[in-house]
């Protein structure tokens, strides 16, 4: 597929409705509420009347509201914008410029998946950065996605922006997270350890004669922790990382399938986490901080901003290097002076900080070792903080300020002279890193060459 002619307008398809099955796809939650309310009535009173009334009332209310919402929702793609009109009692018209569309994800929650529907999540990178079209038939959803991406790219070219060749090219798989990695990672998590401790305590107390009814609150806590683990197992199922023309796409889910694309052109930094319980197995996790696409989804499986939930450490660092265009493991990091132990007696031993011509690297933590990496081109400023006690002990902390997000690169408790030198060096290197560079955007070549690097071929276990 070739990039559309920037002078060719997007097709004006006129106002269209969402799928007529949209009310059914959205009413799944109403059915759950009705079943819960009616089931509790049956358990408490032993009557079926309450169940029937609750089910009928909630289903009817959900159906009426769902139909009215669907009937009053339209969308339209014109030459330069996507327009979405919604609202039952009060009308709202949302307009999205096609040249601001950065990515369009296709998600299939469980009920929608059963009905052959999909939700489009349109990322624009603005303040209200995400727009949703829920739901469309799966084939139509992919067609609308193609139109938005193709003509969004053409609109950017027409305004003098950079082109992305084949914006709708099929993603190339580079890493599949097998179930065994997921199970090991979850088994070696704090949640699993807490569950194990609860089970041991309950067994011991039962042996000592404590009645089972005394564990009411503890049992509820146990169920909550178990449910959290189960959600992660279901949510992480089939986790696949694929290369796209602008970055990486993450697809996962057993019941509900979620697809999210991280645009490396907007990559603000990465975080590699190595929990203490997973380090003996050589596992780590990779999170990405993307401009305009902060951690806002609140997914119950904990997948917000996650590129790789659990994988061998070597593969995680390799993928991080591919995304950044430079190897963070090659950056020389140093530790603070011994005086830092007055501030952090246990943690100071594990503090590290370093930078080269491309990256800033900060490492903290022993129990949960964390490495934050920020491209120097994304650093907005360097500053030194020194409180009264820090002045007394002759230490200072250097902050590498980047846009608000996940990563936090700091050089904790450094000698004041070293801190000032870090700021001078960092400002100069950041200025050089922001100088324009060429960029390759053909999917068969490197993804980018500037602040985000090439995504290499398939990452496979050794």
Protein backbone atom coordinates (compact mmCIF):
# COMPACT_ATOMS: atom_id res chain seq x y z
CA UNK A 1 0.00 0.00 0.00
CA UNK A 2 1.43 3.38 -0.92
CA UNK A 3 1.12 6.61 0.99
CA UNK A 4 -1.94 8.53 -0.28
CA UNK A 5 -1.46 11.64 -2.32
CA UNK A 6 -1.42 14.57 0.15
CA UNK A 7 -3.48 16.60 -2.31
CA UNK A 8 -6.16 13.91 -2.49
CA UNK A 9 -8.91 14.67 0.06
CA UNK A 10 -10.16 12.05 2.46
CA UNK A 11 -13.44 10.54 1.34
CA UNK A 12 -16.46 12.27 2.78
CA UNK A 13 -18.48 9.27 3.84
CA UNK A 14 -21.35 11.27 5.30
CA UNK A 15 -22.81 10.73 8.74
CA UNK A 16 -22.77 7.12 9.85
CA UNK A 17 -24.05 5.25 12.86
CA UNK A 18 -22.30 2.77 15.05
CA UNK A 19 -23.27 -0.90 14.88
CA UNK A 20 -26.93 -1.58 15.83
CA UNK A 21 -25.55 -4.19 18.25
CA UNK A 22 -23.76 -1.49 20.22
CA UNK A 23 -26.46 -1.33 22.97
CA UNK A 24 -26.09 -5.08 23.53
CA UNK A 25 -22.29 -4.85 23.68
CA UNK A 26 -22.52 -2.04 26.22
CA UNK A 27 -25.24 -3.65 28.35
CA UNK A 28 -23.07 -6.51 29.54
CA UNK A 29 -22.32 -4.63 32.75
CA UNK A 30 -26.06 -4.12 33.37
CA UNK A 31 -26.61 -7.87 33.15
CA UNK A 32 -23.85 -8.47 35.68
CA UNK A 33 -25.37 -5.95 38.09
CA UNK A 34 -28.81 -7.49 37.66
CA UNK A 35 -27.51 -11.00 38.28
CA UNK A 36 -25.68 -9.85 41.41
CA UNK A 37 -28.65 -7.98 42.85
CA UNK A 38 -31.09 -10.79 42.08
CA UNK A 39 -28.72 -13.49 43.26
CA UNK A 40 -28.24 -11.78 46.60
CA UNK A 41 -32.00 -11.56 46.99
CA UNK A 42 -32.36 -15.27 46.34
CA UNK A 43 -29.60 -16.19 48.78
CA UNK A 44 -31.01 -13.99 51.53
CA UNK A 45 -34.74 -14.55 51.06
CA UNK A 46 -34.95 -17.72 49.01
CA UNK A 47 -37.37 -16.06 46.61
CA UNK A 48 -37.22 -15.76 42.85
CA UNK A 49 -39.49 -12.72 42.64
CA UNK A 50 -36.75 -10.30 43.60
CA UNK A 51 -34.40 -11.82 41.03
CA UNK A 52 -36.98 -11.54 38.24
CA UNK A 53 -37.84 -7.93 39.09
CA UNK A 54 -34.20 -6.87 39.35
CA UNK A 55 -33.22 -8.55 36.10
CA UNK A 56 -36.16 -7.15 34.15
CA UNK A 57 -35.79 -3.63 35.57
CA UNK A 58 -32.07 -3.34 34.97
CA UNK A 59 -32.18 -4.93 31.52
CA UNK A 60 -35.06 -2.71 30.39
CA UNK A 61 -33.37 0.42 31.74
CA UNK A 62 -30.10 -0.52 30.10
CA UNK A 63 -31.77 -1.35 26.81
CA UNK A 64 -33.71 1.93 26.69
CA UNK A 65 -30.71 4.07 27.53
CA UNK A 66 -28.44 2.07 25.24
CA UNK A 67 -30.80 2.39 22.28
CA UNK A 68 -31.25 6.13 22.85
CA UNK A 69 -27.49 6.64 23.10
CA UNK A 70 -26.87 4.61 19.93
CA UNK A 71 -29.66 6.37 18.03
CA UNK A 72 -28.24 9.79 18.89
CA UNK A 73 -24.60 8.97 18.04
CA UNK A 74 -23.16 9.73 14.59
CA UNK A 75 -19.69 10.04 13.15
CA UNK A 76 -18.39 11.46 9.90
CA UNK A 77 -15.00 11.57 8.16
CA UNK A 78 -14.50 14.67 6.01
CA UNK A 79 -11.53 15.98 4.07
CA UNK A 80 -9.72 17.20 7.18
CA UNK A 81 -11.49 15.97 10.30
CA UNK A 82 -13.34 13.23 12.14
CA UNK A 83 -16.58 14.49 13.66
CA UNK A 84 -18.42 12.58 16.39
CA UNK A 85 -21.85 13.74 17.63
CA UNK A 86 -23.16 12.21 20.85
CA UNK A 87 -25.65 12.90 23.63
CA UNK A 88 -29.21 11.96 24.49
CA UNK A 89 -30.44 14.96 26.48
CA UNK A 90 -27.64 17.39 25.66
CA UNK A 91 -25.70 17.21 22.40
CA UNK A 92 -21.92 17.18 22.15
CA UNK A 93 -19.89 17.43 18.94
CA UNK A 94 -16.26 16.34 19.05
CA UNK A 95 -14.02 17.16 16.09
CA UNK A 96 -10.61 15.61 15.57
CA UNK A 97 -8.25 16.95 12.92
CA UNK A 98 -6.91 14.13 10.76
CA UNK A 99 -3.39 15.59 10.81
CA UNK A 100 -3.43 15.21 14.61
CA UNK A 101 -4.28 11.51 14.57
CA UNK A 102 -1.23 9.61 15.83
CA UNK A 103 -2.56 6.10 16.29
CA UNK A 104 -5.80 4.17 16.11
CA UNK A 105 -6.14 1.07 18.26
CA UNK A 106 -8.64 -1.73 17.72
CA UNK A 107 -9.93 -3.28 20.96
CA UNK A 108 -12.44 -6.08 21.48
CA UNK A 109 -13.94 -6.38 24.96
CA UNK A 110 -15.47 -9.77 25.74
CA UNK A 111 -19.13 -9.10 24.84
CA UNK A 112 -18.17 -7.09 21.75
CA UNK A 113 -15.85 -9.89 20.66
CA UNK A 114 -18.69 -12.40 20.86
CA UNK A 115 -20.77 -10.12 18.63
CA UNK A 116 -17.99 -9.54 16.09
CA UNK A 117 -17.61 -5.89 17.08
CA UNK A 118 -14.60 -3.73 17.89
CA UNK A 119 -13.88 -0.39 19.52
CA UNK A 120 -11.62 2.19 17.89
CA UNK A 121 -9.46 4.23 20.25
CA UNK A 122 -8.03 7.24 18.44
CA UNK A 123 -4.93 8.83 19.96
CA UNK A 124 -4.24 12.49 19.12
CA UNK A 125 -1.61 13.48 21.68
CA UNK A 126 -3.58 16.56 22.79
CA UNK A 127 -4.94 17.39 26.25
CA UNK A 128 -8.02 15.23 25.73
CA UNK A 129 -5.92 12.82 23.76
CA UNK A 130 -8.18 9.80 23.33
CA UNK A 131 -11.36 9.53 21.28
CA UNK A 132 -13.45 6.37 21.11
CA UNK A 133 -15.79 4.87 18.53
CA UNK A 134 -17.60 1.97 20.20
CA UNK A 135 -18.70 -0.23 18.55
CA UNK A 136 -18.26 -1.05 14.85
CA UNK A 137 -18.26 -4.35 12.98
CA UNK A 138 -14.69 -5.65 13.03
CA UNK A 139 -14.17 -5.31 9.26
CA UNK A 140 -15.59 -1.77 9.25
CA UNK A 141 -13.43 -0.84 12.24
CA UNK A 142 -10.29 -1.86 10.35
CA UNK A 143 -11.47 0.07 7.28
CA UNK A 144 -12.13 3.24 9.31
CA UNK A 145 -8.72 2.82 10.94
CA UNK A 146 -7.09 2.59 7.50
CA UNK A 147 -8.84 5.76 6.30
CA UNK A 148 -7.87 7.74 9.41
CA UNK A 149 -4.21 6.69 9.35
CA UNK A 150 -3.71 7.01 5.60
CA UNK A 151 -5.24 10.45 5.29
CA UNK A 152 -3.88 11.63 8.63
CA UNK A 153 -0.40 10.93 7.27
CA UNK A 154 -1.26 12.69 4.00
CA UNK A 155 -2.57 15.74 5.87
CA UNK A 156 0.69 16.01 7.84
CA UNK A 157 2.70 15.86 4.61
CA UNK A 158 0.53 18.60 3.10
CA UNK A 159 1.37 20.82 6.09
CA UNK A 160 5.09 20.17 5.75
CA UNK A 161 5.34 17.43 8.36
CA UNK A 162 7.17 14.14 7.99
CA UNK A 163 5.66 11.23 6.16
CA UNK A 164 5.39 7.70 7.43
CA UNK A 165 5.54 5.14 4.64
CA UNK A 166 2.76 2.57 4.80
CA UNK A 167 1.14 3.78 8.05
CA UNK A 168 -1.29 0.84 7.97
CA UNK A 169 1.31 -1.84 7.18
CA UNK A 170 0.84 -5.08 9.10
CA UNK A 171 2.86 -5.21 12.34
CA UNK A 172 5.85 -7.57 12.41
CA UNK A 173 5.96 -9.76 15.57
CA UNK A 174 9.21 -9.37 17.49
CA UNK A 175 8.42 -10.88 20.91
CA UNK A 176 5.82 -13.29 22.26
CA UNK A 177 5.58 -13.64 26.04
CA UNK A 178 4.92 -17.34 26.70
CA UNK A 179 2.65 -18.49 29.49
CA UNK A 180 5.54 -19.98 31.48
CA UNK A 181 7.19 -16.56 31.81
CA UNK A 182 3.90 -15.05 32.94
CA UNK A 183 3.24 -17.76 35.52
CA UNK A 184 6.79 -17.55 36.91
CA UNK A 185 6.55 -13.78 37.08
CA UNK A 186 3.19 -13.85 38.85
CA UNK A 187 4.29 -16.63 41.22
CA UNK A 188 7.34 -14.57 42.14
CA UNK A 189 5.31 -11.42 42.83
CA UNK A 190 4.41 -9.73 46.07
CA UNK A 191 0.74 -10.58 45.57
CA UNK A 192 1.47 -14.30 45.28
CA UNK A 193 3.76 -14.15 48.33
CA UNK A 194 1.01 -12.43 50.30
CA UNK A 195 -1.50 -15.12 49.28
CA UNK A 196 0.91 -17.85 50.34
CA UNK A 197 1.43 -16.22 53.73
CA UNK A 198 -2.34 -15.90 54.22
CA UNK A 199 -2.85 -19.60 53.45
CA UNK A 200 -0.13 -20.65 55.89
CA UNK A 201 -1.52 -18.42 58.65
CA UNK A 202 -5.08 -19.72 58.15
CA UNK A 203 -3.94 -23.36 58.17
CA UNK A 204 -1.94 -22.86 61.36
CA UNK A 205 -4.82 -21.10 63.12
CA UNK A 206 -7.29 -23.79 62.04
CA UNK A 207 -4.97 -26.42 63.47
CA UNK A 208 -4.90 -24.46 66.72
CA UNK A 209 -8.69 -24.59 66.87
CA UNK A 210 -9.71 -21.15 65.64
CA UNK A 211 -13.14 -21.43 63.94
CA UNK A 212 -13.23 -20.75 60.20
CA UNK A 213 -15.91 -18.06 60.66
CA UNK A 214 -13.35 -15.87 62.39
CA UNK A 215 -11.58 -15.26 59.08
CA UNK A 216 -14.33 -13.21 57.44
CA UNK A 217 -12.29 -10.04 56.75
CA UNK A 218 -9.15 -12.02 55.96
CA UNK A 219 -11.07 -14.22 53.54
CA UNK A 220 -12.34 -11.15 51.67
CA UNK A 221 -8.76 -9.85 51.44
CA UNK A 222 -7.63 -13.22 50.15
CA UNK A 223 -10.32 -13.23 47.46
CA UNK A 224 -9.36 -9.71 46.39
CA UNK A 225 -5.68 -10.63 46.01
CA UNK A 226 -6.55 -13.85 44.17
CA UNK A 227 -8.86 -11.94 41.82
CA UNK A 228 -6.07 -9.46 41.08
CA UNK A 229 -3.74 -12.29 40.11
CA UNK A 230 -6.46 -13.91 37.99
CA UNK A 231 -7.09 -10.65 36.13
CA UNK A 232 -3.41 -10.42 35.27
CA UNK A 233 -3.30 -14.01 34.03
CA UNK A 234 -6.30 -13.35 31.78
CA UNK A 235 -5.15 -9.89 30.72
CA UNK A 236 -1.55 -10.89 29.94
CA UNK A 237 -2.60 -13.94 27.94
CA UNK A 238 -1.18 -14.07 24.42
CA UNK A 239 1.01 -11.01 24.99
CA UNK A 240 2.68 -10.07 21.72
CA UNK A 241 4.97 -7.17 20.89
CA UNK A 242 5.17 -6.23 17.20
CA UNK A 243 7.09 -3.63 15.22
CA UNK A 244 5.07 -0.98 13.35
CA UNK A 245 6.20 1.84 11.04
CA UNK A 246 6.17 4.26 13.99
CA UNK A 247 7.01 2.10 16.99
CA UNK A 248 5.73 -1.03 18.67
CA UNK A 249 2.27 -2.52 19.02
CA UNK A 250 1.22 -4.50 22.08
CA UNK A 251 -1.64 -6.99 21.76
CA UNK A 252 -2.89 -9.13 24.63
CA UNK A 253 -5.91 -10.64 26.36
CA UNK A 254 -7.68 -13.96 26.71
CA UNK A 255 -11.28 -12.80 27.09
CA UNK A 256 -11.04 -9.18 25.95
CA UNK A 257 -8.42 -8.43 23.32
CA UNK A 258 -6.61 -5.11 23.71
CA UNK A 259 -4.33 -3.52 21.13
CA UNK A 260 -2.19 -0.50 21.85
CA UNK A 261 0.54 1.13 19.77
CA UNK A 262 3.40 3.08 21.31
CA UNK A 263 4.74 5.74 18.95
CA UNK A 264 8.51 5.94 19.50
CA UNK A 265 8.53 9.41 17.98
CA UNK A 266 6.82 10.50 21.21
CA UNK A 267 8.89 8.31 23.55
CA UNK A 268 9.83 10.30 26.66
CA UNK A 269 11.62 7.52 28.48
CA UNK A 270 11.54 3.92 29.62
CA UNK A 271 11.57 2.10 32.95
CA UNK A 272 13.01 -1.37 33.51
CA UNK A 273 11.88 -2.98 36.76
CA UNK A 274 13.54 -6.03 38.31
CA UNK A 275 11.62 -7.11 41.45
CA UNK A 276 13.68 -8.93 44.07
CA UNK A 277 11.57 -12.11 43.87
CA UNK A 278 11.96 -12.27 40.08
CA UNK A 279 15.68 -11.55 39.90
CA UNK A 280 16.69 -15.15 40.73
CA UNK A 281 14.74 -16.18 37.61
CA UNK A 282 16.39 -13.44 35.52
CA UNK A 283 13.06 -11.70 34.75
CA UNK A 284 12.29 -8.03 34.24
CA UNK A 285 9.50 -5.70 33.07
CA UNK A 286 9.55 -2.87 30.54
CA UNK A 287 7.32 0.23 30.79
CA UNK A 288 7.20 3.12 28.33
CA UNK A 289 6.42 6.78 28.93
CA UNK A 290 4.77 8.31 25.86
CA UNK A 291 4.02 12.02 25.39
CA UNK A 292 0.30 12.71 25.26
CA UNK A 293 -0.52 9.10 26.09
CA UNK A 294 0.04 8.97 29.81
CA UNK A 295 -1.00 6.21 32.12
CA UNK A 296 -4.67 6.98 32.10
CA UNK A 297 -6.54 3.88 31.05
CA UNK A 298 -6.63 2.30 34.50
CA UNK A 299 -6.68 -1.22 33.13
CA UNK A 300 -7.40 -3.80 35.80
CA UNK A 301 -4.72 -6.16 34.52
CA UNK A 302 -2.07 -3.52 35.22
CA UNK A 303 -1.10 -3.19 31.56
CA UNK A 304 -1.10 0.62 31.32
CA UNK A 305 2.12 1.76 29.67
CA UNK A 306 3.54 -1.78 29.79
CA UNK A 307 5.46 -2.94 26.73
CA UNK A 308 6.60 -6.24 28.28
CA UNK A 309 5.06 -7.42 31.58
CA UNK A 310 7.65 -10.11 32.25
CA UNK A 311 10.50 -11.55 30.17
CA UNK A 312 14.14 -12.55 30.54
CA UNK A 313 16.26 -9.58 31.51
CA UNK A 314 18.47 -9.79 28.40
CA UNK A 315 15.49 -9.58 26.06
CA UNK A 316 14.00 -6.63 27.94
CA UNK A 317 17.25 -4.66 27.76
CA UNK A 318 17.66 -5.52 24.09
CA UNK A 319 14.16 -4.27 23.24
CA UNK A 320 14.81 -1.10 25.30
CA UNK A 321 17.99 -0.46 23.31
CA UNK A 322 16.11 -0.94 20.02
CA UNK A 323 13.41 1.54 21.03
CA UNK A 324 15.85 4.16 22.31
CA UNK A 325 18.31 3.84 19.45
CA UNK A 326 21.12 3.49 21.98
CA UNK A 327 22.07 0.88 24.56
CA UNK A 328 21.32 2.05 28.12
CA UNK A 329 23.42 -0.81 29.51
CA UNK A 330 26.49 0.77 27.87
CA UNK A 331 26.10 4.03 29.80
CA UNK A 332 28.67 4.27 32.61
CA UNK A 333 26.91 4.88 35.93
CA UNK A 334 28.47 5.93 39.22
CA UNK A 335 27.37 5.81 42.85
CA UNK A 336 27.08 8.73 45.29
CA UNK A 337 29.65 9.41 48.04
CA UNK A 338 29.46 7.59 51.37
CA UNK A 339 27.74 10.60 52.95
CA UNK A 340 24.56 9.54 51.08
CA UNK A 341 24.04 6.74 53.62
CA UNK A 342 22.93 9.36 56.17
CA UNK A 343 19.88 9.99 53.97
CA UNK A 344 19.25 6.42 52.82
CA UNK A 345 21.15 3.90 54.98
CA UNK A 346 19.98 0.88 52.95
CA UNK A 347 19.13 2.34 49.57
CA UNK A 348 22.21 4.50 48.97
CA UNK A 349 24.27 1.42 48.13
CA UNK A 350 22.11 0.82 45.06
CA UNK A 351 21.87 4.39 43.75
CA UNK A 352 23.50 4.94 40.35
CA UNK A 353 23.47 7.74 37.76
CA UNK A 354 25.16 8.35 34.43
CA UNK A 355 24.79 9.90 30.99
CA UNK A 356 26.41 9.77 27.59
CA UNK A 357 25.75 11.69 24.37
CA UNK A 358 22.28 10.14 23.95
CA UNK A 359 20.84 8.93 27.25
CA UNK A 360 20.40 9.71 30.93
CA UNK A 361 20.29 6.62 33.15
CA UNK A 362 19.24 6.52 36.82
CA UNK A 363 19.01 3.37 38.95
CA UNK A 364 17.42 3.01 42.37
CA UNK A 365 16.21 0.34 44.74
CA UNK A 366 17.23 -3.09 45.94
CA UNK A 367 13.90 -4.74 46.77
CA UNK A 368 12.42 -3.39 43.56
CA UNK A 369 15.38 -2.44 41.37
CA UNK A 370 14.33 0.25 38.93
CA UNK A 371 16.23 1.75 36.00
CA UNK A 372 14.83 4.94 34.45
CA UNK A 373 16.21 5.97 31.06
CA UNK A 374 15.48 9.31 29.36
CA UNK A 375 16.74 10.35 25.90
CA UNK A 376 18.76 13.54 26.31
CA UNK A 377 16.74 15.09 23.50
CA UNK A 378 13.66 14.84 25.74
CA UNK A 379 15.26 16.47 28.80
CA UNK A 380 13.82 19.95 29.21
CA UNK A 381 16.14 21.16 31.95
CA UNK A 382 18.66 20.15 34.60
CA UNK A 383 18.45 21.53 38.13
CA UNK A 384 20.12 21.03 41.48
CA UNK A 385 18.19 20.68 44.74
CA UNK A 386 19.89 21.01 48.11
CA UNK A 387 17.93 21.22 51.35
CA UNK A 388 19.26 22.38 54.73
CA UNK A 389 20.41 18.92 55.83
CA UNK A 390 21.92 18.26 52.40
CA UNK A 391 23.93 21.49 52.67
CA UNK A 392 25.15 20.43 56.10
CA UNK A 393 26.29 17.05 54.77
CA UNK A 394 27.60 18.57 51.52
CA UNK A 395 25.43 16.63 49.07
CA UNK A 396 22.97 17.68 46.37
CA UNK A 397 20.47 16.00 44.04
CA UNK A 398 20.41 16.64 40.29
CA UNK A 399 17.05 16.41 38.49
CA UNK A 400 16.86 15.74 34.75
CA UNK A 401 13.43 17.24 34.05
CA UNK A 402 11.41 15.69 31.25
CA UNK A 403 7.66 15.96 30.46
CA UNK A 404 5.44 14.60 33.22
CA UNK A 405 5.23 10.84 32.94
CA UNK A 406 6.41 7.57 34.33
CA UNK A 407 10.18 8.06 34.42
CA UNK A 408 12.08 10.05 37.04
CA UNK A 409 15.80 10.46 36.37
CA UNK A 410 17.71 11.86 39.34
CA UNK A 411 21.28 11.77 40.59
CA UNK A 412 20.69 11.42 44.33
CA UNK A 413 23.04 12.78 47.01
CA UNK A 414 25.99 13.83 44.86
CA UNK A 415 28.92 15.97 45.88
CA UNK A 416 27.95 19.61 45.11
CA UNK A 417 30.88 20.07 42.73
CA UNK A 418 29.96 16.88 40.87
CA UNK A 419 26.30 17.97 40.77
CA UNK A 420 27.21 21.31 39.17
CA UNK A 421 29.38 19.55 36.60
CA UNK A 422 26.55 17.13 35.79
CA UNK A 423 24.25 20.08 35.10
CA UNK A 424 26.76 21.85 32.84
CA UNK A 425 27.51 18.64 30.92
CA UNK A 426 23.85 17.64 30.73
CA UNK A 427 22.68 20.99 29.36
CA UNK A 428 25.32 20.94 26.62
CA UNK A 429 24.65 17.34 25.62
CA UNK A 430 20.88 17.86 25.64
CA UNK A 431 21.28 20.83 23.30
CA UNK A 432 23.36 18.72 20.92
CA UNK A 433 20.92 15.80 21.11
CA UNK A 434 18.02 18.06 20.08
CA UNK A 435 19.75 19.10 16.87
CA UNK A 436 17.77 17.88 13.82
CA UNK A 437 18.74 14.51 12.47
CA UNK A 438 17.58 12.44 9.54
CA UNK A 439 14.81 9.98 10.16
CA UNK A 440 13.97 6.74 8.35
CA UNK A 441 10.29 5.90 8.25
CA UNK A 442 10.01 2.99 5.86
CA UNK A 443 8.80 -0.07 7.82
CA UNK A 444 11.36 -2.32 6.15
CA UNK A 445 14.12 -0.10 7.54
CA UNK A 446 14.85 1.32 10.98
CA UNK A 447 11.84 2.82 12.72
CA UNK A 448 13.70 6.02 13.58
CA UNK A 449 17.22 7.32 13.87
CA UNK A 450 16.86 10.22 16.26
CA UNK A 451 15.55 9.86 19.80
CA UNK A 452 13.96 6.50 19.14
CA UNK A 453 15.83 3.75 17.47
CA UNK A 454 15.23 0.78 15.26
CA UNK A 455 13.13 -2.13 16.35
CA UNK A 456 15.17 -5.13 15.30
CA UNK A 457 14.03 -8.54 14.17
CA UNK A 458 12.16 -11.05 16.30
CA UNK A 459 13.34 -11.20 19.90
CA UNK A 460 13.39 -14.85 20.83
CA UNK A 461 14.43 -16.63 23.98
CA UNK A 462 17.94 -17.98 24.06
